[in-house]
């Protein structure tokens, strides 16, 4: 998928995350989390797996996590990417 717009998904409430996506020639992922010490590697893995499943090869992805579960992180990344692309999302691939 090709990111062409800035987009946002999620909230900064406890147990949620905000994912911001914007166009960039390369792929850049930044994670800021209140539970970075315990779950930083897992959060990065979930974000990377979700971006791979969506075939995102470029763009800036910023995740501000407030203790979200993996399923919430996946949903926020999917929603932000879907909003940032002009092409339809193939939900069956996820």
C-alpha atoms as a PDB file:
ATOM      1  CA  UNK A   1       0.000   0.000   0.000  1.00  0.00           C
ATOM      2  CA  UNK A   2       1.163   3.491  -0.775  1.00  0.00           C
ATOM      3  CA  UNK A   3       0.672   6.155   1.885  1.00  0.00           C
ATOM      4  CA  UNK A   4      -0.393   9.447   0.312  1.00  0.00           C
ATOM      5  CA  UNK A   5      -2.127  11.338   3.149  1.00  0.00           C
ATOM      6  CA  UNK A   6      -1.497  12.106   6.805  1.00  0.00           C
ATOM      7  CA  UNK A   7      -3.814  10.130   9.055  1.00  0.00           C
ATOM      8  CA  UNK A   8      -4.482   9.324  12.677  1.00  0.00           C
ATOM      9  CA  UNK A   9      -6.227   6.532  14.568  1.00  0.00           C
ATOM     10  CA  UNK A  10      -6.788   5.971  18.266  1.00  0.00           C
ATOM     11  CA  UNK A  11      -6.765   7.953  21.498  1.00  0.00           C
ATOM     12  CA  UNK A  12      -4.383   8.690  24.342  1.00  0.00           C
ATOM     13  CA  UNK A  13      -6.669   7.025  26.866  1.00  0.00           C
ATOM     14  CA  UNK A  14      -5.293   4.304  29.113  1.00  0.00           C
ATOM     15  CA  UNK A  15      -5.034   0.908  27.343  1.00  0.00           C
ATOM     16  CA  UNK A  16      -5.140   2.526  23.894  1.00  0.00           C
ATOM     17  CA  UNK A  17      -2.684   3.935  21.375  1.00  0.00           C
ATOM     18  CA  UNK A  18      -2.521   6.731  18.825  1.00  0.00           C
ATOM     19  CA  UNK A  19      -1.018   5.822  15.465  1.00  0.00           C
ATOM     20  CA  UNK A  20      -0.008   8.647  13.126  1.00  0.00           C
ATOM     21  CA  UNK A  21       0.884   7.863   9.520  1.00  0.00           C
ATOM     22  CA  UNK A  22       2.327  10.237   6.937  1.00  0.00           C
ATOM     23  CA  UNK A  23       4.032   9.955   3.546  1.00  0.00           C
ATOM     24  CA  UNK A  24       7.809   9.463   3.468  1.00  0.00           C
ATOM     25  CA  UNK A  25      10.067   7.903   0.792  1.00  0.00           C
ATOM     26  CA  UNK A  26      11.400   5.311   3.243  1.00  0.00           C
ATOM     27  CA  UNK A  27       9.766   3.362   6.060  1.00  0.00           C
ATOM     28  CA  UNK A  28      10.317   4.938   9.469  1.00  0.00           C
ATOM     29  CA  UNK A  29       8.627   3.521  12.579  1.00  0.00           C
ATOM     30  CA  UNK A  30       8.779   5.269  15.946  1.00  0.00           C
ATOM     31  CA  UNK A  31       7.285   3.815  19.123  1.00  0.00           C
ATOM     32  CA  UNK A  32       6.802   5.749  22.359  1.00  0.00           C
ATOM     33  CA  UNK A  33       5.192   3.753  25.143  1.00  0.00           C
ATOM     34  CA  UNK A  34       4.443   3.988  28.834  1.00  0.00           C
ATOM     35  CA  UNK A  35       5.336   0.293  29.027  1.00  0.00           C
ATOM     36  CA  UNK A  36       8.439   0.492  26.816  1.00  0.00           C
ATOM     37  CA  UNK A  37      10.721  -1.308  29.262  1.00  0.00           C
ATOM     38  CA  UNK A  38       8.453  -4.351  29.554  1.00  0.00           C
ATOM     39  CA  UNK A  39       6.790  -4.586  26.133  1.00  0.00           C
ATOM     40  CA  UNK A  40       8.719  -2.378  23.692  1.00  0.00           C
ATOM     41  CA  UNK A  41       9.978  -5.303  21.600  1.00  0.00           C
ATOM     42  CA  UNK A  42       6.497  -6.867  21.406  1.00  0.00           C
ATOM     43  CA  UNK A  43       4.905  -3.553  20.387  1.00  0.00           C
ATOM     44  CA  UNK A  44       7.470  -3.093  17.602  1.00  0.00           C
ATOM     45  CA  UNK A  45       6.921  -6.673  16.424  1.00  0.00           C
ATOM     46  CA  UNK A  46       3.129  -6.236  16.245  1.00  0.00           C
ATOM     47  CA  UNK A  47       3.476  -2.958  14.333  1.00  0.00           C
ATOM     48  CA  UNK A  48       6.019  -4.487  11.913  1.00  0.00           C
ATOM     49  CA  UNK A  49       3.869  -7.596  11.303  1.00  0.00           C
ATOM     50  CA  UNK A  50       0.805  -5.445  10.639  1.00  0.00           C
ATOM     51  CA  UNK A  51       2.673  -3.170   8.222  1.00  0.00           C
ATOM     52  CA  UNK A  52       4.047  -6.255   6.426  1.00  0.00           C
ATOM     53  CA  UNK A  53       0.541  -7.747   6.124  1.00  0.00           C
ATOM     54  CA  UNK A  54      -0.658  -4.457   4.630  1.00  0.00           C
ATOM     55  CA  UNK A  55       2.351  -4.336   2.254  1.00  0.00           C
ATOM     56  CA  UNK A  56       3.425  -0.912   3.507  1.00  0.00           C
ATOM     57  CA  UNK A  57       6.944  -0.247   2.237  1.00  0.00           C
ATOM     58  CA  UNK A  58       7.290   3.478   2.877  1.00  0.00           C
ATOM     59  CA  UNK A  59       5.927   6.126   5.185  1.00  0.00           C
ATOM     60  CA  UNK A  60       6.363   7.491   8.684  1.00  0.00           C
ATOM     61  CA  UNK A  61       4.501   5.580  11.386  1.00  0.00           C
ATOM     62  CA  UNK A  62       4.482   6.999  14.908  1.00  0.00           C
ATOM     63  CA  UNK A  63       2.886   4.946  17.683  1.00  0.00           C
ATOM     64  CA  UNK A  64       2.122   6.556  21.040  1.00  0.00           C
ATOM     65  CA  UNK A  65       1.134   3.637  23.244  1.00  0.00           C
ATOM     66  CA  UNK A  66      -0.618   3.834  26.598  1.00  0.00           C
ATOM     67  CA  UNK A  67      -0.616   0.106  27.375  1.00  0.00           C
ATOM     68  CA  UNK A  68      -2.719  -1.139  24.449  1.00  0.00           C
ATOM     69  CA  UNK A  69      -3.204  -4.852  23.831  1.00  0.00           C
ATOM     70  CA  UNK A  70      -1.808  -6.384  20.629  1.00  0.00           C
ATOM     71  CA  UNK A  71      -5.250  -6.525  19.004  1.00  0.00           C
ATOM     72  CA  UNK A  72      -5.748  -2.813  19.684  1.00  0.00           C
ATOM     73  CA  UNK A  73      -2.357  -1.949  18.214  1.00  0.00           C
ATOM     74  CA  UNK A  74      -3.149  -3.958  15.070  1.00  0.00           C
ATOM     75  CA  UNK A  75      -6.523  -2.263  14.684  1.00  0.00           C
ATOM     76  CA  UNK A  76      -5.050   1.230  15.144  1.00  0.00           C
ATOM     77  CA  UNK A  77      -2.272   0.597  12.593  1.00  0.00           C
ATOM     78  CA  UNK A  78      -4.764  -0.874  10.103  1.00  0.00           C
ATOM     79  CA  UNK A  79      -7.154   2.061  10.500  1.00  0.00           C
ATOM     80  CA  UNK A  80      -4.420   4.699  10.182  1.00  0.00           C
ATOM     81  CA  UNK A  81      -2.957   3.046   7.070  1.00  0.00           C
ATOM     82  CA  UNK A  82      -6.403   2.592   5.486  1.00  0.00           C
ATOM     83  CA  UNK A  83      -7.142   6.299   6.004  1.00  0.00           C
ATOM     84  CA  UNK A  84      -3.742   7.303   4.567  1.00  0.00           C
ATOM     85  CA  UNK A  85      -4.080   5.364   1.291  1.00  0.00           C
ATOM     86  CA  UNK A  86      -6.199   6.003  -1.772  1.00  0.00           C
ATOM     87  CA  UNK A  87      -6.452   2.318  -2.631  1.00  0.00           C
ATOM     88  CA  UNK A  88      -9.014   0.018  -0.975  1.00  0.00           C
ATOM     89  CA  UNK A  89      -7.796  -2.190   1.858  1.00  0.00           C
ATOM     90  CA  UNK A  90      -7.963  -5.951   1.293  1.00  0.00           C
ATOM     91  CA  UNK A  91      -9.410  -6.971   4.654  1.00  0.00           C
ATOM     92  CA  UNK A  92      -9.310 -10.669   3.748  1.00  0.00           C
ATOM     93  CA  UNK A  93      -5.506 -10.523   3.637  1.00  0.00           C
ATOM     94  CA  UNK A  94      -5.401  -9.583   7.296  1.00  0.00           C
END
